[in-house]
Amino acid sequence: MSLFLFYNTFKIWDDFILYIKAMKTFIRKIALIIIASIVYTSCISSQGVAFKEKPGNAYQDDVKNIINHSAWDKLLKNHVRDNGLVDYKGFQSDSEALNAYVEFLSNNAPKKSWPFEEQLAYFINLYNANTIKLIVDHYPVEGIKEVDATISPFLKSFIFIGDKKFSLADIEKGILQKMNEPRMHFAINCASISCPKLLKEAYTAENVDELMEKAAREFINSDKNEISESRAKVSEIFKWYKNDFLVDASSIIEYINRYAEKKINSNVDLSYITYNWNLNDTN
């Protein structure tokens, strides 16, 4: 009897120790999530950089380019495939031109006088070019999340606009999202398989509306989403940035149906495809 009691007491104690260890692991994970969330939301800033909100739904027909993005356009045509995959080795060999373009953007900070279209094209190109630079500077990597950063590569402050330093999160959340143009989510590329593809053309004031429309249509009808009349398994982009898309649509399905070749019935439940953060590399 005493042996039986000893065994059960030992087993209860052993189970208790395992429980405590599991709770410590759980609490540590929750703490890291909370810390990351606080840092992520608190550090995002536009630092007074000039940008405008979308002026209603109208884009100017007669807007003219102020900034010349031809250097970026050439790099994209040379090192991006039609399917959106990126030749990072090619960008590495062209790093001098890439760095020169990034420096050019830094030295030509947006002005309040610039039209909305010019500012929007600037920030889209700024995000995409610096994302490529981030990968090239750490290549080879299997994905952007492997890039060395304290918490997240998206919080790494390495982007210069004038003498001010920004992170990718600053550009996306501190500026682009505040410009109230949800199609920008299809224009910026986070160097990952599940991202909207990087187009082989630089955004400019004159083409930004047309190119975003193209990017939205191509992404929604691509294999990044599984769409039919009775099925809506879509990219997590539509979950993460739901409120952005609902600015000018009553539902995510309504927004998607504006571009979808196969229209989704309005009563279909949305589900989401797990994001693939592997590098969108040709090599």
Foldseek 3Di string as FASTA:
>chain_A
DVVVVVVVVVVVVVVVVVVVVVVVVVVVVVVLVVVCVCCLVPVAAPVPFDAAAPPPPDADQPDDFDDDPVLVLVQLLVFADPVQFGALVSCLVVVVSLVVSLVVLQVCGDDNPHDNLANLLSLQSNLASVLSVQPSVVPPDFFLQPRDDPRGQQQDFDRHNHNDTGGSSNSVVHHVLRNLDVLSQLRHANQWPLGQGHDSGRRTSNCNVVVSLVSLLDNLADPQWDDAQQDTAHACVCVVPVVSQCVPPVGPLRSSQVRYPHRYHPPHDYHYDDGTRTGSHPD
